[in-house]
Amino acid sequence: MSSLLEVTGLCKDYRMGSDSVQVLKGIDLDISAGTTTALVGASGAGKSTLLHILGALDRPSSGTVTYKGQELFTRSDRELADFRSRTIGFVFQFHHLLPEFTALENVMMPALIARRENHLAHQQARTLLTEVGLEHRLNHRPGELSGGEQQRVAIARALVMEPELLLADEPTGNLDAKTSEAIYELLVKIQKQTGISMVVVTHNERIAARMERVVRLLDGLILPCTTEDM
């Protein structure tokens, strides 16, 4: 499989007053196109920080991230924003839906911001909401939807620009066990149907085991893989 993302010597420091806290301490990671990867580890291990850098939401302190052989962080903030909007879909623990808009309008939003024609954005959003099982909830606002339904809307929104990479940060951390299972089944189904690359941060070992690869972080470093992680 061809490489999609390559991370070399990645470090990330944060200033805490007069002190510096090192969150990532030299990460090397390669993610192949069309694969699924779980990032696991205790709270504070650096999982979300790594995911945010992979998604160009945050810049590293040092090291490189290349996407299809092109270095990401030599680009300007505007160029990175354009890269994110067209290449990466994000799903977070909290859905971040806009409460005043319907499910359909929330899913359309990234396409409209990217200046896609309204009727095309509408058609794509309607198709995606149908695929995630919400064809009967198109005109409901987030406050009228259950937690699982809200997360399904967020997944549809993440896919509306037809990204090559889906990044999910504890996408079921706010949901009950049954709903969590349904959301992960949906993510796996979407990945198989589309061939999208997917990286998921999760504390759930059972869910992580469904991914093709498990990457374990401890104190800002990747632990050597074991046979269970292959």
Protein backbone atom coordinates (compact mmCIF):
# COMPACT_ATOMS: atom_id res chain seq x y z
CA MET A 1 0.00 0.00 0.00
CA SER A 2 1.17 3.50 -0.75
CA SER A 3 2.02 5.85 2.10
CA LEU A 4 -0.50 8.58 2.83
CA LEU A 5 1.02 10.23 5.92
CA GLU A 6 4.59 10.02 7.15
CA VAL A 7 5.63 11.42 10.51
CA THR A 8 9.30 11.72 11.42
CA GLY A 9 10.82 12.91 14.70
CA LEU A 10 7.63 14.68 15.71
CA CYS A 11 7.81 16.72 18.93
CA LYS A 12 5.30 19.07 20.48
CA ASP A 13 5.92 21.38 23.42
CA TYR A 14 3.48 23.70 25.21
CA ARG A 15 4.31 26.68 27.37
CA MET A 16 2.86 26.56 30.88
CA GLY A 17 3.80 29.91 32.36
CA SER A 18 7.59 29.93 32.51
CA ASP A 19 7.79 26.17 32.01
CA SER A 20 7.71 24.05 28.88
CA VAL A 21 5.79 20.76 28.79
CA GLN A 22 6.80 18.22 26.16
CA VAL A 23 3.73 16.26 25.03
CA LEU A 24 5.19 14.44 22.02
CA LYS A 25 8.80 13.31 22.28
CA GLY A 26 9.91 12.13 18.85
CA ILE A 27 7.11 10.26 17.06
CA ASP A 28 7.80 8.22 13.91
CA LEU A 29 4.68 6.92 12.20
CA ASP A 30 3.61 5.87 8.73
CA ILE A 31 -0.04 5.59 7.72
CA SER A 32 -0.86 3.81 4.48
CA ALA A 33 -3.67 4.87 2.18
CA GLY A 34 -6.97 3.09 2.68
CA THR A 35 -6.17 1.67 6.13
CA THR A 36 -7.65 2.00 9.61
CA THR A 37 -5.52 2.88 12.64
CA ALA A 38 -6.42 3.15 16.32
CA LEU A 39 -4.43 5.43 18.64
CA VAL A 40 -4.71 4.18 22.22
CA GLY A 41 -3.15 5.07 25.54
CA ALA A 42 -3.90 6.62 28.90
CA SER A 43 -5.12 10.19 29.25
CA GLY A 44 -2.21 12.56 28.72
CA ALA A 45 -0.26 10.14 26.52
CA GLY A 46 -0.42 12.55 23.56
CA LYS A 47 -3.08 10.86 21.42
CA SER A 48 -5.24 13.90 20.72
CA THR A 49 -2.21 16.14 20.25
CA LEU A 50 -0.85 13.74 17.64
CA LEU A 51 -4.24 13.55 15.90
CA HIS A 52 -4.51 17.33 15.77
CA ILE A 53 -1.09 17.60 14.16
CA LEU A 54 -1.93 14.85 11.65
CA GLY A 55 -4.98 16.91 10.74
CA ALA A 56 -3.00 20.16 10.48
CA LEU A 57 -5.04 21.71 13.29
CA ASP A 58 -1.84 22.35 15.23
CA ARG A 59 1.80 22.77 14.21
CA PRO A 60 4.58 20.60 15.69
CA SER A 61 7.48 22.10 17.63
CA SER A 62 9.87 20.04 15.51
CA GLY A 63 9.85 17.10 13.15
CA THR A 64 8.05 16.64 9.84
CA VAL A 65 4.67 15.51 8.58
CA THR A 66 4.36 14.70 4.90
CA TYR A 67 1.12 14.01 3.07
CA LYS A 68 1.59 12.07 -0.16
CA GLY A 69 5.24 13.09 -0.06
CA GLN A 70 4.57 16.82 0.43
CA GLU A 71 5.64 18.51 3.68
CA LEU A 72 2.60 19.97 5.42
CA PHE A 73 4.01 22.57 7.75
CA THR A 74 5.98 24.58 5.23
CA ARG A 75 2.56 25.88 4.16
CA SER A 76 0.94 29.07 5.39
CA ASP A 77 -2.01 28.99 7.79
CA ARG A 78 -4.35 29.80 4.90
CA GLU A 79 -2.93 26.98 2.79
CA LEU A 80 -3.29 24.58 5.72
CA ALA A 81 -6.92 25.64 6.21
CA ASP A 82 -7.62 24.93 2.55
CA PHE A 83 -5.84 21.56 2.82
CA ARG A 84 -7.93 20.60 5.86
CA SER A 85 -11.24 21.56 4.31
CA ARG A 86 -10.64 19.61 1.11
CA THR A 87 -8.66 16.62 2.32
CA ILE A 88 -9.56 15.77 5.92
CA GLY A 89 -12.80 15.01 7.73
CA PHE A 90 -12.96 15.43 11.51
CA VAL A 91 -15.24 13.76 14.06
CA PHE A 92 -14.85 14.77 17.71
CA GLN A 93 -16.23 13.52 21.02
CA PHE A 94 -18.55 16.52 21.11
CA HIS A 95 -20.28 16.94 17.78
CA HIS A 96 -19.94 20.76 17.50
CA LEU A 97 -23.12 21.04 15.43
CA LEU A 98 -24.59 24.50 14.97
CA PRO A 99 -27.76 24.49 17.10
CA GLU A 100 -29.72 26.97 15.00
CA PHE A 101 -29.40 24.92 11.81
CA THR A 102 -31.09 21.67 10.77
CA ALA A 103 -29.23 18.39 10.31
CA LEU A 104 -29.28 18.95 6.56
CA GLU A 105 -27.92 22.49 6.86
CA ASN A 106 -25.17 21.40 9.27
CA VAL A 107 -23.97 18.75 6.82
CA MET A 108 -24.12 21.18 3.89
CA MET A 109 -22.06 23.83 5.71
CA PRO A 110 -18.49 22.73 4.78
CA ALA A 111 -19.46 22.42 1.12
CA LEU A 112 -21.09 25.85 1.11
CA ILE A 113 -18.03 27.40 2.79
CA ALA A 114 -15.93 25.82 0.02
CA ARG A 115 -18.26 27.56 -2.49
CA ARG A 116 -19.82 24.38 -3.83
CA GLU A 117 -23.11 25.11 -5.58
CA ASN A 118 -26.08 25.03 -3.23
CA HIS A 119 -28.00 22.32 -5.08
CA LEU A 120 -24.91 20.06 -5.17
CA ALA A 121 -24.23 20.58 -1.45
CA HIS A 122 -27.89 19.87 -0.72
CA GLN A 123 -27.89 16.67 -2.77
CA GLN A 124 -24.64 15.39 -1.22
CA ALA A 125 -25.79 16.19 2.33
CA ARG A 126 -29.14 14.48 1.78
CA THR A 127 -27.41 11.37 0.38
CA LEU A 128 -25.00 11.17 3.33
CA LEU A 129 -27.71 11.61 5.93
CA THR A 130 -29.63 8.81 4.27
CA GLU A 131 -26.53 6.61 4.36
CA VAL A 132 -26.10 7.19 8.10
CA GLY A 133 -29.77 6.34 8.71
CA LEU A 134 -31.17 9.84 9.24
CA GLU A 135 -33.28 10.37 6.12
CA HIS A 136 -36.26 10.96 8.45
CA ARG A 137 -34.43 13.63 10.50
CA LEU A 138 -33.20 16.00 7.79
CA ASN A 139 -35.09 19.03 9.09
CA HIS A 140 -34.53 18.45 12.80
CA ARG A 141 -32.19 20.71 14.74
CA PRO A 142 -29.48 19.21 17.00
CA GLY A 143 -31.55 19.82 20.14
CA GLU A 144 -34.26 17.59 18.70
CA LEU A 145 -31.87 14.68 18.09
CA SER A 146 -30.45 12.03 20.42
CA GLY A 147 -26.71 11.93 21.17
CA GLY A 148 -26.18 9.10 18.70
CA GLU A 149 -28.16 10.92 16.00
CA GLN A 150 -26.14 14.08 16.56
CA GLN A 151 -22.92 12.11 16.12
CA ARG A 152 -24.27 10.57 12.90
CA VAL A 153 -24.90 14.09 11.61
CA ALA A 154 -21.32 15.00 12.56
CA ILE A 155 -20.02 11.97 10.64
CA ALA A 156 -22.04 12.94 7.57
CA ARG A 157 -20.69 16.49 7.85
CA ALA A 158 -17.12 15.14 8.04
CA LEU A 159 -17.67 13.25 4.78
CA VAL A 160 -19.46 15.89 2.71
CA MET A 161 -16.26 17.15 1.08
CA GLU A 162 -15.29 13.57 0.16
CA PRO A 163 -12.03 13.64 2.17
CA GLU A 164 -9.19 11.17 1.75
CA LEU A 165 -8.57 10.95 5.51
CA LEU A 166 -11.03 10.73 8.40
CA LEU A 167 -9.74 11.60 11.88
CA ALA A 168 -11.92 10.74 14.87
CA ASP A 169 -11.09 11.78 18.44
CA GLU A 170 -13.03 9.64 20.96
CA PRO A 171 -16.12 9.86 18.71
CA THR A 172 -18.22 7.79 21.13
CA GLY A 173 -16.76 9.01 24.42
CA ASN A 174 -19.99 10.87 25.19
CA LEU A 175 -22.34 7.99 24.31
CA ASP A 176 -23.67 4.86 26.02
CA ALA A 177 -22.23 1.44 25.16
CA LYS A 178 -24.99 0.39 22.74
CA THR A 179 -24.91 3.68 20.83
CA SER A 180 -21.10 3.63 20.80
CA GLU A 181 -21.14 0.21 19.18
CA ALA A 182 -23.57 1.42 16.52
CA ILE A 183 -21.43 4.47 15.72
CA TYR A 184 -18.28 2.37 15.33
CA GLU A 185 -20.14 -0.11 13.13
CA LEU A 186 -21.15 2.86 10.98
CA LEU A 187 -17.56 4.15 10.77
CA VAL A 188 -16.24 0.72 9.78
CA LYS A 189 -19.00 0.36 7.17
CA ILE A 190 -18.21 3.77 5.68
CA GLN A 191 -14.49 3.00 5.55
CA LYS A 192 -15.09 -0.27 3.72
CA GLN A 193 -17.48 1.35 1.26
CA THR A 194 -15.32 4.36 0.44
CA GLY A 195 -11.75 3.16 1.04
CA ILE A 196 -11.08 6.30 3.07
CA SER A 197 -8.09 6.23 5.44
CA MET A 198 -9.19 6.42 9.07
CA VAL A 199 -7.36 7.20 12.31
CA VAL A 200 -9.36 6.86 15.53
CA VAL A 201 -8.38 7.88 19.06
CA THR A 202 -10.15 5.61 21.54
CA HIS A 203 -9.92 4.27 25.08
CA ASN A 204 -12.03 1.28 24.10
CA GLU A 205 -9.75 -1.71 23.51
CA ARG A 206 -12.55 -3.77 21.96
CA ILE A 207 -13.19 -1.08 19.40
CA ALA A 208 -9.47 -0.54 18.79
CA ALA A 209 -9.14 -4.23 17.99
CA ARG A 210 -11.46 -3.72 15.02
CA MET A 211 -8.93 -1.45 13.37
CA GLU A 212 -6.27 -2.92 11.09
CA ARG A 213 -3.52 -1.44 13.23
CA VAL A 214 -3.25 -0.37 16.87
CA VAL A 215 -0.67 2.30 17.81
CA ARG A 216 -0.05 2.63 21.56
CA LEU A 217 1.24 5.86 23.08
CA LEU A 218 2.81 6.30 26.49
CA ASP A 219 4.19 9.61 27.76
CA GLY A 220 4.53 11.07 24.28
CA LEU A 221 6.19 8.06 22.68
CA ILE A 222 4.94 5.16 20.57
CA LEU A 223 5.38 1.81 22.26
CA PRO A 224 6.87 -1.07 20.23
CA CYS A 225 4.06 -3.03 18.60
CA THR A 226 3.16 -6.51 19.79
CA THR A 227 1.56 -9.37 17.91
CA GLU A 228 -1.84 -8.25 19.27
CA ASP A 229 -1.37 -4.86 17.61
CA MET A 230 -0.70 -6.21 14.14
